[in-house]
Amino acid sequence: GPPCAPGLEAQLPGWLKQLRAELGPADASLGVLAVAVPGVVPSVAAGSSTARRVRLAPALGWEDFPLAEMLGAATGLSVLLENDVNAMALAEHRQGGSQRQHLLFIALGSGIGAGLIVSGQLYRGSAAAAGEIGYSLLPGLY
């Protein structure tokens, strides 16, 4: 996988170029690069200057980081950004055989996050951080 730690973002374009080279001619048909990010990603809005940026990714040390521009320049592809847990919730809802209109997908990792599907649509909240539950230290576990 790609280098994922604070300070390693400069290695992402090289890693992606190497991956594309390994794919060979078959990757000529690629038109969009979809990237799931462990952070707050604003929804794409017409004319928005932040739609292509990661607003906040504490685990990566990013704040207002231009990830889409960086990866687009490295690959020549259009880049679609999504929060990683939102992407998992969307995948579960669309491909997991769910017949339900509502879904709550909770992921435990470096933090606690949730993806919310309400009436068949991803719910982001007013600040695009509806599922950002956060980090908790429980008594006796730290």
Protein backbone atom coordinates (compact mmCIF):
# COMPACT_ATOMS: atom_id res chain seq x y z
CA GLY A 1 0.00 0.00 0.00
CA PRO A 2 0.94 3.66 -0.14
CA PRO A 3 3.07 5.34 2.53
CA CYS A 4 0.59 6.49 5.17
CA ALA A 5 2.09 8.42 8.06
CA PRO A 6 2.67 12.07 8.87
CA GLY A 7 5.41 13.53 6.68
CA LEU A 8 5.27 10.84 3.98
CA GLU A 9 2.82 12.58 1.65
CA ALA A 10 5.64 13.64 -0.71
CA GLN A 11 6.15 9.93 -1.50
CA LEU A 12 2.57 9.43 -2.72
CA PRO A 13 3.07 10.63 -6.34
CA GLY A 14 6.10 8.38 -6.85
CA TRP A 15 4.29 5.40 -5.33
CA LEU A 16 1.29 6.01 -7.59
CA LYS A 17 3.43 6.40 -10.73
CA GLN A 18 5.15 3.09 -9.93
CA LEU A 19 1.79 1.40 -9.42
CA ARG A 20 0.53 2.69 -12.78
CA ALA A 21 3.71 1.42 -14.47
CA GLU A 22 3.16 -2.03 -12.94
CA LEU A 23 -0.41 -2.11 -14.27
CA GLY A 24 0.90 -1.72 -17.80
CA PRO A 25 -1.23 -0.97 -20.87
CA ALA A 26 -4.47 -2.04 -19.20
CA ASP A 27 -4.44 1.11 -17.09
CA ALA A 28 -4.81 3.27 -20.22
CA SER A 29 -8.57 2.88 -19.77
CA LEU A 30 -8.50 4.44 -16.29
CA GLY A 31 -10.37 7.71 -16.17
CA VAL A 32 -10.83 8.42 -12.47
CA LEU A 33 -8.74 7.70 -9.42
CA ALA A 34 -10.90 7.16 -6.31
CA VAL A 35 -9.07 7.67 -3.01
CA ALA A 36 -10.41 6.81 0.44
CA VAL A 37 -8.83 9.04 3.08
CA PRO A 38 -8.86 8.71 6.90
CA GLY A 39 -10.03 12.28 7.40
CA VAL A 40 -12.68 14.91 6.75
CA VAL A 41 -13.34 15.38 3.05
CA PRO A 42 -15.82 18.08 2.05
CA SER A 43 -18.47 17.04 -0.43
CA VAL A 44 -17.93 18.09 -4.00
CA ALA A 45 -19.81 21.30 -4.71
CA ALA A 46 -19.78 23.29 -7.90
CA GLY A 47 -17.22 26.05 -7.68
CA SER A 48 -15.87 24.87 -4.34
CA SER A 49 -12.15 25.45 -3.85
CA THR A 50 -12.00 22.88 -1.05
CA ALA A 51 -13.78 20.01 -2.78
CA ARG A 52 -10.41 18.64 -3.90
CA ARG A 53 -8.73 18.96 -0.51
CA VAL A 54 -8.65 16.95 2.68
CA ARG A 55 -9.87 19.40 5.29
CA LEU A 56 -8.48 17.50 8.27
CA ALA A 57 -6.71 14.13 8.72
CA PRO A 58 -5.09 14.09 12.18
CA ALA A 59 -3.57 10.60 11.75
CA LEU A 60 -1.69 11.89 8.69
CA GLY A 61 -0.93 15.36 10.04
CA TRP A 62 -2.94 17.00 7.24
CA GLU A 63 -4.97 20.17 7.40
CA ASP A 64 -6.41 21.65 4.19
CA PHE A 65 -4.20 19.28 2.20
CA PRO A 66 -4.45 19.41 -1.65
CA LEU A 67 -4.44 15.64 -2.17
CA ALA A 68 -6.54 15.57 -5.34
CA GLU A 69 -4.34 18.17 -7.03
CA MET A 70 -1.17 16.29 -6.05
CA LEU A 71 -2.39 12.90 -7.28
CA GLY A 72 -4.03 14.36 -10.37
CA ALA A 73 -0.76 16.03 -11.39
CA ALA A 74 1.12 12.75 -10.85
CA THR A 75 -1.30 10.62 -12.88
CA GLY A 76 -3.13 12.89 -15.29
CA LEU A 77 -6.40 11.45 -13.93
CA SER A 78 -9.42 13.07 -12.34
CA VAL A 79 -9.33 12.35 -8.61
CA LEU A 80 -12.35 11.62 -6.43
CA LEU A 81 -11.80 11.90 -2.67
CA GLU A 82 -13.96 10.32 0.01
CA ASN A 83 -13.63 9.66 3.71
CA ASP A 84 -12.50 6.04 4.17
CA VAL A 85 -15.36 5.00 6.47
CA ASN A 86 -17.93 6.74 4.26
CA ALA A 87 -16.55 4.77 1.32
CA MET A 88 -16.91 1.52 3.27
CA ALA A 89 -20.48 2.41 4.27
CA LEU A 90 -21.37 3.18 0.65
CA ALA A 91 -19.81 -0.09 -0.52
CA GLU A 92 -21.67 -2.10 2.11
CA HIS A 93 -24.94 -0.40 1.26
CA ARG A 94 -24.60 -0.79 -2.51
CA GLN A 95 -22.80 -4.12 -2.81
CA GLY A 96 -23.44 -5.85 0.51
CA GLY A 97 -26.91 -7.01 -0.38
CA SER A 98 -28.54 -4.54 1.98
CA GLN A 99 -32.20 -4.03 1.27
CA ARG A 100 -32.40 -1.31 3.90
CA GLN A 101 -32.63 2.40 3.29
CA HIS A 102 -30.67 3.25 6.44
CA LEU A 103 -27.27 1.96 7.52
CA LEU A 104 -24.72 2.79 10.21
CA PHE A 105 -21.21 1.49 9.49
CA ILE A 106 -18.78 1.82 12.40
CA ALA A 107 -15.03 1.35 11.97
CA LEU A 108 -12.53 0.99 14.80
CA GLY A 109 -8.92 1.76 13.92
CA SER A 110 -6.65 4.65 14.79
CA GLY A 111 -9.89 6.36 15.76
CA ILE A 112 -13.59 5.60 15.73
CA GLY A 113 -15.54 6.60 12.67
CA ALA A 114 -18.98 5.98 11.24
CA GLY A 115 -20.56 6.18 7.84
CA LEU A 116 -24.25 7.04 7.86
CA ILE A 117 -26.65 6.14 5.08
CA VAL A 118 -30.06 7.78 5.56
CA SER A 119 -32.87 7.14 3.10
CA GLY A 120 -30.36 5.57 0.73
CA GLN A 121 -28.04 8.61 0.69
CA LEU A 122 -24.72 9.26 2.42
CA TYR A 123 -25.27 11.72 5.26
CA ARG A 124 -22.31 14.08 5.75
CA GLY A 125 -23.71 16.64 8.17
CA SER A 126 -23.28 20.39 7.94
CA ALA A 127 -19.47 20.26 8.26
CA ALA A 128 -18.91 17.00 6.30
CA ALA A 129 -17.87 15.29 9.54
CA ALA A 130 -21.09 13.55 10.64
CA GLY A 131 -19.39 10.22 11.30
CA GLU A 132 -16.25 11.52 12.96
CA ILE A 133 -16.77 10.03 16.40
CA GLY A 134 -13.15 10.58 17.39
CA TYR A 135 -10.68 9.14 19.80
CA SER A 136 -11.45 7.97 23.31
CA LEU A 137 -9.30 6.90 26.23
CA LEU A 138 -11.27 4.59 28.49
CA PRO A 139 -10.46 4.41 32.21
CA GLY A 140 -8.04 1.59 32.95
CA LEU A 141 -6.98 1.18 29.31
CA TYR A 142 -4.35 3.92 29.05
